[in-house]
């Protein structure tokens, strides 16, 4: 049986744990770092946590004599990003070693926040095995910036922070999933291949070469305030418009990078046009799209519009058309789970 991790109770030292962590989808995107090693962002971001009915990372970790890392059934050498997490743990537990087996249920590195869910799972497992000072989102951030947002459920804010060491660059829940239970999410899998330009490399190029990035950094905090108010009031037209505008701006910044980075493909752009056509038919914003660093679309709407939106996408892009290979239906979900005895 799985239950949501309650960090307030102060987890006890464990010899073995199994955790599940969710995917999060940013509605105000994270793009650009002020510190590469600590994964400190240039600006704050805001996400929704997806339910774990279909997409999650499951990680089993136990204390051992040596560190072993098995991903999706294949033993791999620990990555540099994993080394950051274990180094943090060993600063308080010098003899720490772990045997880790992890797998996920969604396309890795195809723009569906796989690293976020994966490193959130690692961080949660390590912190349960070896309790340390600080919050779990700070540990997760060392592996992948977006991972800190997968350590909480509902609507989650990742503060950019001001401290040089990153102690205040942490994620926190703004609203639980129960605050707006009518929200539905449709993930449109357009491509399962790894992206040509990894997010980290793309961000580095953007920060150095994009003039539009300066404009984004200057006003993104205002956009976070606006979308927070929309979520609080459950105002979908405003929420949806801001979500789409921010996704568009992030990808405009990518195209303004030199050389330009194009994460969207023809099908991505067709889905964008389809969503705007859907909203035009309704006379207001009743559906929204957002794209991370990849061509896969994440569509959001309220329950009343979900079936119609899904069938529209299915009719235009699925089946013999073969443009969308899979549709995944989600609600907004909780934070990380731990397998109980």
C-alpha atoms as a PDB file:
ATOM      1  CA  UNK A   1       0.000   0.000   0.000  1.00  0.00           C
ATOM      2  CA  UNK A   2       1.280   3.451  -0.911  1.00  0.00           C
ATOM      3  CA  UNK A   3       0.677   6.592   1.107  1.00  0.00           C
ATOM      4  CA  UNK A   4       1.737  10.183   0.605  1.00  0.00           C
ATOM      5  CA  UNK A   5       5.027  11.038   2.305  1.00  0.00           C
ATOM      6  CA  UNK A   6       4.533  13.304   5.300  1.00  0.00           C
ATOM      7  CA  UNK A   7       7.836  15.093   5.786  1.00  0.00           C
ATOM      8  CA  UNK A   8       6.491  17.104   8.715  1.00  0.00           C
ATOM      9  CA  UNK A   9       6.515  13.976  10.871  1.00  0.00           C
ATOM     10  CA  UNK A  10      10.260  13.656  10.388  1.00  0.00           C
ATOM     11  CA  UNK A  11      10.987  10.374   8.553  1.00  0.00           C
ATOM     12  CA  UNK A  12      12.980   7.824  10.507  1.00  0.00           C
ATOM     13  CA  UNK A  13      16.111   6.114   9.221  1.00  0.00           C
ATOM     14  CA  UNK A  14      15.136   3.210   7.007  1.00  0.00           C
ATOM     15  CA  UNK A  15      17.183   0.397   5.478  1.00  0.00           C
ATOM     16  CA  UNK A  16      15.007   0.038   2.375  1.00  0.00           C
ATOM     17  CA  UNK A  17      12.288   2.159   0.772  1.00  0.00           C
ATOM     18  CA  UNK A  18      10.146   2.171  -2.361  1.00  0.00           C
ATOM     19  CA  UNK A  19       8.764   5.489  -3.550  1.00  0.00           C
ATOM     20  CA  UNK A  20       6.663   6.732  -6.443  1.00  0.00           C
ATOM     21  CA  UNK A  21       6.902  10.268  -7.729  1.00  0.00           C
ATOM     22  CA  UNK A  22       4.742  12.158 -10.212  1.00  0.00           C
ATOM     23  CA  UNK A  23       5.347  14.082 -13.388  1.00  0.00           C
ATOM     24  CA  UNK A  24       4.885  17.819 -13.161  1.00  0.00           C
ATOM     25  CA  UNK A  25       4.032  20.110 -16.043  1.00  0.00           C
ATOM     26  CA  UNK A  26       5.078  23.746 -15.792  1.00  0.00           C
ATOM     27  CA  UNK A  27       2.454  26.307 -16.744  1.00  0.00           C
ATOM     28  CA  UNK A  28       5.024  29.031 -16.087  1.00  0.00           C
ATOM     29  CA  UNK A  29       8.168  27.553 -17.565  1.00  0.00           C
ATOM     30  CA  UNK A  30      11.636  27.121 -16.088  1.00  0.00           C
ATOM     31  CA  UNK A  31      14.222  28.052 -18.704  1.00  0.00           C
ATOM     32  CA  UNK A  32      17.644  29.425 -17.846  1.00  0.00           C
ATOM     33  CA  UNK A  33      19.995  29.068 -14.889  1.00  0.00           C
ATOM     34  CA  UNK A  34      21.953  31.526 -12.776  1.00  0.00           C
ATOM     35  CA  UNK A  35      24.069  28.688 -11.363  1.00  0.00           C
ATOM     36  CA  UNK A  36      24.705  25.514 -13.375  1.00  0.00           C
ATOM     37  CA  UNK A  37      26.076  23.320 -10.571  1.00  0.00           C
ATOM     38  CA  UNK A  38      23.303  24.087  -8.092  1.00  0.00           C
ATOM     39  CA  UNK A  39      20.544  24.296 -10.722  1.00  0.00           C
ATOM     40  CA  UNK A  40      19.471  27.735  -9.571  1.00  0.00           C
ATOM     41  CA  UNK A  41      16.995  29.330 -11.989  1.00  0.00           C
ATOM     42  CA  UNK A  42      16.965  32.824 -13.424  1.00  0.00           C
ATOM     43  CA  UNK A  43      13.314  33.170 -12.453  1.00  0.00           C
ATOM     44  CA  UNK A  44      10.593  31.339 -10.553  1.00  0.00           C
ATOM     45  CA  UNK A  45       8.252  28.815 -12.177  1.00  0.00           C
ATOM     46  CA  UNK A  46       4.878  27.232 -11.441  1.00  0.00           C
ATOM     47  CA  UNK A  47       3.580  23.774 -12.260  1.00  0.00           C
ATOM     48  CA  UNK A  48       0.727  21.331 -11.912  1.00  0.00           C
ATOM     49  CA  UNK A  49       1.436  17.862 -10.560  1.00  0.00           C
ATOM     50  CA  UNK A  50      -0.153  15.074 -12.593  1.00  0.00           C
ATOM     51  CA  UNK A  51      -1.889  12.106 -11.028  1.00  0.00           C
ATOM     52  CA  UNK A  52       0.083   8.880 -10.928  1.00  0.00           C
ATOM     53  CA  UNK A  53      -2.610   6.676 -12.480  1.00  0.00           C
ATOM     54  CA  UNK A  54      -0.536   6.219 -15.655  1.00  0.00           C
ATOM     55  CA  UNK A  55       2.726   8.179 -15.387  1.00  0.00           C
ATOM     56  CA  UNK A  56       5.162   7.951 -12.505  1.00  0.00           C
ATOM     57  CA  UNK A  57       8.679   6.940 -11.524  1.00  0.00           C
ATOM     58  CA  UNK A  58       9.085   4.101  -9.030  1.00  0.00           C
ATOM     59  CA  UNK A  59      12.383   3.851  -7.211  1.00  0.00           C
ATOM     60  CA  UNK A  60      13.472   1.154  -4.778  1.00  0.00           C
ATOM     61  CA  UNK A  61      16.540   1.995  -2.718  1.00  0.00           C
ATOM     62  CA  UNK A  62      18.327   0.197   0.077  1.00  0.00           C
ATOM     63  CA  UNK A  63      21.452   0.781   2.077  1.00  0.00           C
ATOM     64  CA  UNK A  64      24.370  -1.261   0.769  1.00  0.00           C
ATOM     65  CA  UNK A  65      28.159  -1.537   0.761  1.00  0.00           C
ATOM     66  CA  UNK A  66      28.453  -0.150  -2.764  1.00  0.00           C
ATOM     67  CA  UNK A  67      26.343   2.170  -4.871  1.00  0.00           C
ATOM     68  CA  UNK A  68      24.579   0.401  -7.753  1.00  0.00           C
ATOM     69  CA  UNK A  69      22.302   2.237 -10.192  1.00  0.00           C
ATOM     70  CA  UNK A  70      19.780   0.270 -12.314  1.00  0.00           C
ATOM     71  CA  UNK A  71      17.497   2.256 -14.669  1.00  0.00           C
ATOM     72  CA  UNK A  72      14.638   0.564 -16.497  1.00  0.00           C
ATOM     73  CA  UNK A  73      16.292  -2.849 -16.046  1.00  0.00           C
ATOM     74  CA  UNK A  74      19.800  -1.807 -17.099  1.00  0.00           C
ATOM     75  CA  UNK A  75      22.729  -1.204 -14.754  1.00  0.00           C
ATOM     76  CA  UNK A  76      24.184   2.234 -15.481  1.00  0.00           C
ATOM     77  CA  UNK A  77      27.130   4.165 -14.052  1.00  0.00           C
ATOM     78  CA  UNK A  78      25.908   6.904 -11.690  1.00  0.00           C
ATOM     79  CA  UNK A  79      25.462  10.194 -13.507  1.00  0.00           C
ATOM     80  CA  UNK A  80      27.108  13.467 -12.528  1.00  0.00           C
ATOM     81  CA  UNK A  81      23.702  14.703 -11.449  1.00  0.00           C
ATOM     82  CA  UNK A  82      23.216  11.698  -9.189  1.00  0.00           C
ATOM     83  CA  UNK A  83      26.692  12.335  -7.758  1.00  0.00           C
ATOM     84  CA  UNK A  84      25.501  15.774  -6.629  1.00  0.00           C
ATOM     85  CA  UNK A  85      22.690  14.188  -4.618  1.00  0.00           C
ATOM     86  CA  UNK A  86      24.841  11.516  -2.992  1.00  0.00           C
ATOM     87  CA  UNK A  87      27.556  14.083  -2.221  1.00  0.00           C
ATOM     88  CA  UNK A  88      24.952  16.137  -0.363  1.00  0.00           C
ATOM     89  CA  UNK A  89      23.850  13.048   1.579  1.00  0.00           C
ATOM     90  CA  UNK A  90      27.467  12.105   2.404  1.00  0.00           C
ATOM     91  CA  UNK A  91      28.112  15.561   3.814  1.00  0.00           C
ATOM     92  CA  UNK A  92      26.029  14.344   6.772  1.00  0.00           C
ATOM     93  CA  UNK A  93      26.326  10.558   6.310  1.00  0.00           C
ATOM     94  CA  UNK A  94      29.919   9.943   5.095  1.00  0.00           C
ATOM     95  CA  UNK A  95      29.495   6.173   4.677  1.00  0.00           C
ATOM     96  CA  UNK A  96      26.262   6.382   2.659  1.00  0.00           C
ATOM     97  CA  UNK A  97      25.911   3.899  -0.220  1.00  0.00           C
ATOM     98  CA  UNK A  98      22.739   2.785  -1.962  1.00  0.00           C
ATOM     99  CA  UNK A  99      21.507   0.061  -4.275  1.00  0.00           C
ATOM    100  CA  UNK A 100      18.944   1.745  -6.512  1.00  0.00           C
ATOM    101  CA  UNK A 101      16.466   0.239  -8.957  1.00  0.00           C
ATOM    102  CA  UNK A 102      14.290   2.729 -10.794  1.00  0.00           C
ATOM    103  CA  UNK A 103      11.888   2.688 -13.705  1.00  0.00           C
ATOM    104  CA  UNK A 104       9.353   5.032 -15.202  1.00  0.00           C
ATOM    105  CA  UNK A 105       6.156   4.486 -17.152  1.00  0.00           C
ATOM    106  CA  UNK A 106       6.490   7.228 -19.764  1.00  0.00           C
ATOM    107  CA  UNK A 107       8.835   8.237 -22.602  1.00  0.00           C
ATOM    108  CA  UNK A 108      12.232   9.204 -21.197  1.00  0.00           C
ATOM    109  CA  UNK A 109      13.838  12.434 -22.476  1.00  0.00           C
ATOM    110  CA  UNK A 110      11.018  13.154 -24.932  1.00  0.00           C
ATOM    111  CA  UNK A 111       9.836  16.353 -23.276  1.00  0.00           C
ATOM    112  CA  UNK A 112       7.587  14.841 -20.591  1.00  0.00           C
ATOM    113  CA  UNK A 113       9.609  15.883 -17.541  1.00  0.00           C
ATOM    114  CA  UNK A 114      11.075  12.411 -17.065  1.00  0.00           C
ATOM    115  CA  UNK A 115      14.197  13.708 -15.330  1.00  0.00           C
ATOM    116  CA  UNK A 116      12.028  15.732 -12.942  1.00  0.00           C
ATOM    117  CA  UNK A 117      10.088  12.688 -11.789  1.00  0.00           C
ATOM    118  CA  UNK A 118      13.222  10.521 -11.737  1.00  0.00           C
ATOM    119  CA  UNK A 119      15.372  12.784  -9.623  1.00  0.00           C
ATOM    120  CA  UNK A 120      12.474  13.593  -7.320  1.00  0.00           C
ATOM    121  CA  UNK A 121      12.178   9.851  -6.686  1.00  0.00           C
ATOM    122  CA  UNK A 122      15.907   9.568  -5.989  1.00  0.00           C
ATOM    123  CA  UNK A 123      15.811  12.531  -3.628  1.00  0.00           C
ATOM    124  CA  UNK A 124      12.819  11.188  -1.704  1.00  0.00           C
ATOM    125  CA  UNK A 125      14.351   7.722  -1.401  1.00  0.00           C
ATOM    126  CA  UNK A 126      17.743   9.045  -0.289  1.00  0.00           C
ATOM    127  CA  UNK A 127      16.209  11.385   2.261  1.00  0.00           C
ATOM    128  CA  UNK A 128      14.124   8.567   3.730  1.00  0.00           C
ATOM    129  CA  UNK A 129      17.210   6.334   3.986  1.00  0.00           C
ATOM    130  CA  UNK A 130      19.513   9.089   5.217  1.00  0.00           C
ATOM    131  CA  UNK A 131      17.600  12.025   6.764  1.00  0.00           C
ATOM    132  CA  UNK A 132      19.415  15.328   6.213  1.00  0.00           C
ATOM    133  CA  UNK A 133      18.937  18.981   6.997  1.00  0.00           C
ATOM    134  CA  UNK A 134      16.848  21.038   4.586  1.00  0.00           C
ATOM    135  CA  UNK A 135      13.759  20.225   2.566  1.00  0.00           C
ATOM    136  CA  UNK A 136      13.521  17.421   0.027  1.00  0.00           C
ATOM    137  CA  UNK A 137      12.904  19.821  -2.881  1.00  0.00           C
ATOM    138  CA  UNK A 138      16.358  21.349  -2.354  1.00  0.00           C
ATOM    139  CA  UNK A 139      17.932  17.894  -2.646  1.00  0.00           C
ATOM    140  CA  UNK A 140      15.872  17.031  -5.738  1.00  0.00           C
ATOM    141  CA  UNK A 141      16.861  20.307  -7.407  1.00  0.00           C
ATOM    142  CA  UNK A 142      20.516  19.239  -7.377  1.00  0.00           C
ATOM    143  CA  UNK A 143      19.645  16.420  -9.775  1.00  0.00           C
ATOM    144  CA  UNK A 144      17.234  18.308 -12.031  1.00  0.00           C
ATOM    145  CA  UNK A 145      15.855  21.773 -11.519  1.00  0.00           C
ATOM    146  CA  UNK A 146      12.283  20.789 -12.358  1.00  0.00           C
ATOM    147  CA  UNK A 147      12.540  17.801 -10.008  1.00  0.00           C
ATOM    148  CA  UNK A 148      11.980  20.035  -7.012  1.00  0.00           C
ATOM    149  CA  UNK A 149       8.434  20.670  -8.245  1.00  0.00           C
ATOM    150  CA  UNK A 150       7.695  16.911  -8.329  1.00  0.00           C
ATOM    151  CA  UNK A 151       8.203  16.725  -4.557  1.00  0.00           C
ATOM    152  CA  UNK A 152       4.752  18.232  -3.931  1.00  0.00           C
ATOM    153  CA  UNK A 153       1.245  17.761  -5.257  1.00  0.00           C
ATOM    154  CA  UNK A 154      -1.345  20.108  -6.703  1.00  0.00           C
ATOM    155  CA  UNK A 155      -0.148  23.506  -7.902  1.00  0.00           C
ATOM    156  CA  UNK A 156       3.514  24.050  -7.022  1.00  0.00           C
ATOM    157  CA  UNK A 157       5.708  27.155  -7.018  1.00  0.00           C
ATOM    158  CA  UNK A 158       9.491  26.904  -7.358  1.00  0.00           C
ATOM    159  CA  UNK A 159      11.000  30.101  -5.978  1.00  0.00           C
ATOM    160  CA  UNK A 160      14.128  31.264  -7.779  1.00  0.00           C
ATOM    161  CA  UNK A 161      15.604  32.403  -4.472  1.00  0.00           C
ATOM    162  CA  UNK A 162      18.263  34.991  -3.810  1.00  0.00           C
ATOM    163  CA  UNK A 163      20.866  33.183  -1.712  1.00  0.00           C
ATOM    164  CA  UNK A 164      24.134  32.314  -3.440  1.00  0.00           C
ATOM    165  CA  UNK A 165      24.081  28.795  -2.026  1.00  0.00           C
ATOM    166  CA  UNK A 166      20.497  28.182  -3.111  1.00  0.00           C
ATOM    167  CA  UNK A 167      19.036  27.535   0.318  1.00  0.00           C
ATOM    168  CA  UNK A 168      15.926  29.552  -0.535  1.00  0.00           C
ATOM    169  CA  UNK A 169      15.466  28.147  -4.045  1.00  0.00           C
ATOM    170  CA  UNK A 170      12.881  25.555  -3.042  1.00  0.00           C
ATOM    171  CA  UNK A 171       9.452  24.375  -4.139  1.00  0.00           C
ATOM    172  CA  UNK A 172       6.244  24.629  -2.152  1.00  0.00           C
ATOM    173  CA  UNK A 173       2.621  23.756  -2.723  1.00  0.00           C
ATOM    174  CA  UNK A 174       0.387  26.757  -3.426  1.00  0.00           C
ATOM    175  CA  UNK A 175      -2.877  24.837  -3.733  1.00  0.00           C
ATOM    176  CA  UNK A 176      -3.713  21.174  -3.299  1.00  0.00           C
ATOM    177  CA  UNK A 177      -5.199  19.039  -6.057  1.00  0.00           C
ATOM    178  CA  UNK A 178      -8.525  19.258  -4.214  1.00  0.00           C
ATOM    179  CA  UNK A 179      -8.600  23.043  -4.683  1.00  0.00           C
ATOM    180  CA  UNK A 180      -9.573  22.677  -8.364  1.00  0.00           C
ATOM    181  CA  UNK A 181     -10.651  19.054  -8.881  1.00  0.00           C
ATOM    182  CA  UNK A 182     -12.402  19.803 -12.178  1.00  0.00           C
ATOM    183  CA  UNK A 183      -9.100  20.280 -14.031  1.00  0.00           C
ATOM    184  CA  UNK A 184      -8.344  17.544 -16.549  1.00  0.00           C
ATOM    185  CA  UNK A 185      -5.114  16.937 -18.450  1.00  0.00           C
ATOM    186  CA  UNK A 186      -4.612  15.243 -21.813  1.00  0.00           C
ATOM    187  CA  UNK A 187      -1.040  14.331 -22.728  1.00  0.00           C
ATOM    188  CA  UNK A 188      -0.597  13.970 -26.489  1.00  0.00           C
ATOM    189  CA  UNK A 189       2.446  11.828 -27.228  1.00  0.00           C
ATOM    190  CA  UNK A 190       3.746  13.039 -30.585  1.00  0.00           C
ATOM    191  CA  UNK A 191       7.264  11.640 -30.363  1.00  0.00           C
ATOM    192  CA  UNK A 192       8.967   9.081 -28.107  1.00  0.00           C
ATOM    193  CA  UNK A 193      12.481   9.843 -29.320  1.00  0.00           C
ATOM    194  CA  UNK A 194      15.011  11.700 -27.211  1.00  0.00           C
ATOM    195  CA  UNK A 195      15.200  15.368 -28.109  1.00  0.00           C
ATOM    196  CA  UNK A 196      18.117  16.526 -30.242  1.00  0.00           C
ATOM    197  CA  UNK A 197      19.046  19.330 -27.823  1.00  0.00           C
ATOM    198  CA  UNK A 198      18.841  18.356 -24.126  1.00  0.00           C
ATOM    199  CA  UNK A 199      17.232  20.936 -21.859  1.00  0.00           C
ATOM    200  CA  UNK A 200      20.430  21.753 -19.973  1.00  0.00           C
ATOM    201  CA  UNK A 201      22.381  22.445 -23.170  1.00  0.00           C
ATOM    202  CA  UNK A 202      19.487  24.436 -24.577  1.00  0.00           C
ATOM    203  CA  UNK A 203      19.257  26.631 -21.485  1.00  0.00           C
ATOM    204  CA  UNK A 204      22.969  27.332 -21.550  1.00  0.00           C
ATOM    205  CA  UNK A 205      22.793  28.526 -25.165  1.00  0.00           C
ATOM    206  CA  UNK A 206      19.695  30.615 -24.512  1.00  0.00           C
ATOM    207  CA  UNK A 207      21.192  32.474 -21.555  1.00  0.00           C
ATOM    208  CA  UNK A 208      24.277  33.382 -23.593  1.00  0.00           C
ATOM    209  CA  UNK A 209      22.676  34.291 -26.928  1.00  0.00           C
ATOM    210  CA  UNK A 210      18.982  35.232 -26.604  1.00  0.00           C
ATOM    211  CA  UNK A 211      17.971  38.872 -26.306  1.00  0.00           C
ATOM    212  CA  UNK A 212      14.369  37.850 -25.675  1.00  0.00           C
ATOM    213  CA  UNK A 213      15.454  36.037 -22.526  1.00  0.00           C
ATOM    214  CA  UNK A 214      16.152  39.332 -20.787  1.00  0.00           C
ATOM    215  CA  UNK A 215      12.596  40.449 -21.505  1.00  0.00           C
ATOM    216  CA  UNK A 216      11.221  37.173 -20.139  1.00  0.00           C
ATOM    217  CA  UNK A 217      13.159  37.385 -16.887  1.00  0.00           C
ATOM    218  CA  UNK A 218      12.001  40.967 -16.373  1.00  0.00           C
ATOM    219  CA  UNK A 219       8.269  40.223 -16.417  1.00  0.00           C
ATOM    220  CA  UNK A 220       7.779  36.543 -15.557  1.00  0.00           C
ATOM    221  CA  UNK A 221       7.163  37.298 -11.870  1.00  0.00           C
ATOM    222  CA  UNK A 222       4.130  39.403 -12.802  1.00  0.00           C
ATOM    223  CA  UNK A 223       2.810  36.496 -14.846  1.00  0.00           C
ATOM    224  CA  UNK A 224       3.229  34.157 -11.861  1.00  0.00           C
ATOM    225  CA  UNK A 225       1.195  36.554  -9.717  1.00  0.00           C
ATOM    226  CA  UNK A 226      -1.544  36.706 -12.355  1.00  0.00           C
ATOM    227  CA  UNK A 227      -1.815  32.953 -12.824  1.00  0.00           C
ATOM    228  CA  UNK A 228      -1.747  32.370  -9.052  1.00  0.00           C
ATOM    229  CA  UNK A 229      -4.770  34.651  -8.705  1.00  0.00           C
ATOM    230  CA  UNK A 230      -6.493  32.808 -11.568  1.00  0.00           C
ATOM    231  CA  UNK A 231      -5.896  29.454  -9.851  1.00  0.00           C
ATOM    232  CA  UNK A 232      -7.120  30.811  -6.541  1.00  0.00           C
ATOM    233  CA  UNK A 233     -10.342  32.011  -8.211  1.00  0.00           C
ATOM    234  CA  UNK A 234     -10.589  28.907 -10.437  1.00  0.00           C
ATOM    235  CA  UNK A 235     -10.754  31.239 -13.419  1.00  0.00           C
ATOM    236  CA  UNK A 236      -9.996  28.925 -16.336  1.00  0.00           C
ATOM    237  CA  UNK A 237     -10.069  31.467 -19.205  1.00  0.00           C
ATOM    238  CA  UNK A 238      -7.361  33.549 -17.513  1.00  0.00           C
ATOM    239  CA  UNK A 239      -5.433  30.479 -16.381  1.00  0.00           C
ATOM    240  CA  UNK A 240      -5.543  29.000 -19.868  1.00  0.00           C
ATOM    241  CA  UNK A 241      -4.533  32.163 -21.678  1.00  0.00           C
ATOM    242  CA  UNK A 242      -1.527  32.718 -19.407  1.00  0.00           C
ATOM    243  CA  UNK A 243      -0.503  29.069 -19.719  1.00  0.00           C
ATOM    244  CA  UNK A 244      -0.522  29.225 -23.515  1.00  0.00           C
ATOM    245  CA  UNK A 245       1.201  32.604 -23.641  1.00  0.00           C
ATOM    246  CA  UNK A 246       4.008  31.411 -21.401  1.00  0.00           C
ATOM    247  CA  UNK A 247       4.535  28.241 -23.432  1.00  0.00           C
ATOM    248  CA  UNK A 248       4.642  30.318 -26.608  1.00  0.00           C
ATOM    249  CA  UNK A 249       7.138  32.711 -25.076  1.00  0.00           C
ATOM    250  CA  UNK A 250       9.478  29.959 -23.888  1.00  0.00           C
ATOM    251  CA  UNK A 251       9.592  28.441 -27.354  1.00  0.00           C
ATOM    252  CA  UNK A 252      10.047  31.890 -28.906  1.00  0.00           C
ATOM    253  CA  UNK A 253      13.067  32.333 -26.639  1.00  0.00           C
ATOM    254  CA  UNK A 254      14.374  28.967 -27.849  1.00  0.00           C
ATOM    255  CA  UNK A 255      14.018  30.084 -31.464  1.00  0.00           C
ATOM    256  CA  UNK A 256      15.774  33.347 -30.570  1.00  0.00           C
ATOM    257  CA  UNK A 257      18.722  31.299 -29.309  1.00  0.00           C
ATOM    258  CA  UNK A 258      21.732  31.014 -31.622  1.00  0.00           C
ATOM    259  CA  UNK A 259      21.773  28.533 -33.213  1.00  0.00           C
ATOM    260  CA  UNK A 260      17.963  28.389 -32.877  1.00  0.00           C
ATOM    261  CA  UNK A 261      16.391  25.512 -30.961  1.00  0.00           C
ATOM    262  CA  UNK A 262      13.142  24.127 -32.358  1.00  0.00           C
ATOM    263  CA  UNK A 263      11.522  21.663 -29.963  1.00  0.00           C
ATOM    264  CA  UNK A 264       8.087  21.744 -31.623  1.00  0.00           C
ATOM    265  CA  UNK A 265       7.309  19.936 -34.863  1.00  0.00           C
ATOM    266  CA  UNK A 266       4.552  20.230 -37.450  1.00  0.00           C
ATOM    267  CA  UNK A 267       2.137  18.158 -35.387  1.00  0.00           C
ATOM    268  CA  UNK A 268       2.802  20.349 -32.339  1.00  0.00           C
ATOM    269  CA  UNK A 269       1.823  23.446 -34.330  1.00  0.00           C
ATOM    270  CA  UNK A 270      -1.276  21.710 -35.693  1.00  0.00           C
ATOM    271  CA  UNK A 271      -2.377  20.879 -32.139  1.00  0.00           C
ATOM    272  CA  UNK A 272      -1.894  24.524 -31.182  1.00  0.00           C
ATOM    273  CA  UNK A 273      -4.155  25.588 -34.051  1.00  0.00           C
ATOM    274  CA  UNK A 274      -6.717  22.952 -33.087  1.00  0.00           C
ATOM    275  CA  UNK A 275      -6.899  24.236 -29.496  1.00  0.00           C
ATOM    276  CA  UNK A 276      -7.375  27.824 -30.670  1.00  0.00           C
ATOM    277  CA  UNK A 277     -10.108  26.623 -33.046  1.00  0.00           C
ATOM    278  CA  UNK A 278     -11.783  24.784 -30.146  1.00  0.00           C
ATOM    279  CA  UNK A 279     -11.735  27.965 -28.073  1.00  0.00           C
ATOM    280  CA  UNK A 280     -13.053  30.018 -30.981  1.00  0.00           C
ATOM    281  CA  UNK A 281     -16.006  27.638 -31.276  1.00  0.00           C
ATOM    282  CA  UNK A 282     -16.694  28.082 -27.559  1.00  0.00           C
ATOM    283  CA  UNK A 283     -16.376  31.875 -27.650  1.00  0.00           C
ATOM    284  CA  UNK A 284     -13.858  31.869 -24.787  1.00  0.00           C
ATOM    285  CA  UNK A 285     -10.783  30.008 -23.542  1.00  0.00           C
ATOM    286  CA  UNK A 286     -11.996  26.560 -22.490  1.00  0.00           C
ATOM    287  CA  UNK A 287      -8.817  24.610 -23.338  1.00  0.00           C
ATOM    288  CA  UNK A 288      -5.114  25.358 -23.092  1.00  0.00           C
ATOM    289  CA  UNK A 289      -1.889  23.830 -24.367  1.00  0.00           C
ATOM    290  CA  UNK A 290       1.609  23.838 -23.006  1.00  0.00           C
ATOM    291  CA  UNK A 291       4.824  22.286 -24.293  1.00  0.00           C
ATOM    292  CA  UNK A 292       7.987  21.545 -22.366  1.00  0.00           C
ATOM    293  CA  UNK A 293      11.274  21.032 -24.230  1.00  0.00           C
ATOM    294  CA  UNK A 294       9.836  18.602 -26.758  1.00  0.00           C
ATOM    295  CA  UNK A 295       7.010  18.187 -29.277  1.00  0.00           C
ATOM    296  CA  UNK A 296       4.536  16.444 -26.954  1.00  0.00           C
ATOM    297  CA  UNK A 297       1.501  18.551 -26.112  1.00  0.00           C
ATOM    298  CA  UNK A 298      -0.111  18.768 -22.699  1.00  0.00           C
ATOM    299  CA  UNK A 299      -3.684  20.024 -22.913  1.00  0.00           C
ATOM    300  CA  UNK A 300      -5.679  21.304 -19.965  1.00  0.00           C
ATOM    301  CA  UNK A 301      -9.377  21.977 -19.595  1.00  0.00           C
ATOM    302  CA  UNK A 302     -12.189  21.552 -17.112  1.00  0.00           C
ATOM    303  CA  UNK A 303     -14.157  18.332 -16.780  1.00  0.00           C
ATOM    304  CA  UNK A 304     -17.162  19.680 -18.703  1.00  0.00           C
ATOM    305  CA  UNK A 305     -15.063  20.074 -21.869  1.00  0.00           C
ATOM    306  CA  UNK A 306     -12.752  17.088 -21.544  1.00  0.00           C
ATOM    307  CA  UNK A 307     -14.574  14.456 -23.607  1.00  0.00           C
ATOM    308  CA  UNK A 308     -15.241  16.868 -26.459  1.00  0.00           C
ATOM    309  CA  UNK A 309     -11.627  18.062 -26.501  1.00  0.00           C
ATOM    310  CA  UNK A 310     -10.252  14.522 -26.330  1.00  0.00           C
ATOM    311  CA  UNK A 311     -12.462  13.299 -29.178  1.00  0.00           C
ATOM    312  CA  UNK A 312     -11.518  16.296 -31.284  1.00  0.00           C
ATOM    313  CA  UNK A 313      -7.814  15.531 -30.836  1.00  0.00           C
ATOM    314  CA  UNK A 314      -8.406  11.831 -31.425  1.00  0.00           C
ATOM    315  CA  UNK A 315     -10.305  12.516 -34.636  1.00  0.00           C
ATOM    316  CA  UNK A 316      -7.747  14.958 -36.009  1.00  0.00           C
ATOM    317  CA  UNK A 317      -4.485  13.305 -34.969  1.00  0.00           C
ATOM    318  CA  UNK A 318      -4.857   9.663 -33.899  1.00  0.00           C
ATOM    319  CA  UNK A 319      -5.528   6.346 -35.581  1.00  0.00           C
ATOM    320  CA  UNK A 320      -4.649   6.126 -39.253  1.00  0.00           C
ATOM    321  CA  UNK A 321      -3.463   9.730 -39.220  1.00  0.00           C
ATOM    322  CA  UNK A 322      -0.670   8.548 -36.924  1.00  0.00           C
ATOM    323  CA  UNK A 323       0.373  12.011 -35.793  1.00  0.00           C
ATOM    324  CA  UNK A 324      -0.345  11.392 -32.106  1.00  0.00           C
ATOM    325  CA  UNK A 325       0.650   7.888 -31.059  1.00  0.00           C
ATOM    326  CA  UNK A 326      -0.865   7.897 -27.580  1.00  0.00           C
ATOM    327  CA  UNK A 327      -3.238   9.918 -25.428  1.00  0.00           C
ATOM    328  CA  UNK A 328      -2.808   9.841 -21.653  1.00  0.00           C
ATOM    329  CA  UNK A 329      -5.616  11.141 -19.463  1.00  0.00           C
ATOM    330  CA  UNK A 330      -4.769  12.631 -16.070  1.00  0.00           C
ATOM    331  CA  UNK A 331      -6.123  14.672 -13.241  1.00  0.00           C
ATOM    332  CA  UNK A 332      -4.109  16.872 -10.910  1.00  0.00           C
ATOM    333  CA  UNK A 333      -2.522  14.635  -8.310  1.00  0.00           C
ATOM    334  CA  UNK A 334      -0.743  14.338  -5.008  1.00  0.00           C
ATOM    335  CA  UNK A 335       2.927  14.446  -4.145  1.00  0.00           C
ATOM    336  CA  UNK A 336       5.352  11.511  -3.710  1.00  0.00           C
ATOM    337  CA  UNK A 337       4.187   8.219  -2.253  1.00  0.00           C
ATOM    338  CA  UNK A 338       6.032   5.674  -0.143  1.00  0.00           C
ATOM    339  CA  UNK A 339       5.289   1.950   0.057  1.00  0.00           C
ATOM    340  CA  UNK A 340       4.224   1.138   3.614  1.00  0.00           C
ATOM    341  CA  UNK A 341       4.764  -2.141   5.444  1.00  0.00           C
END
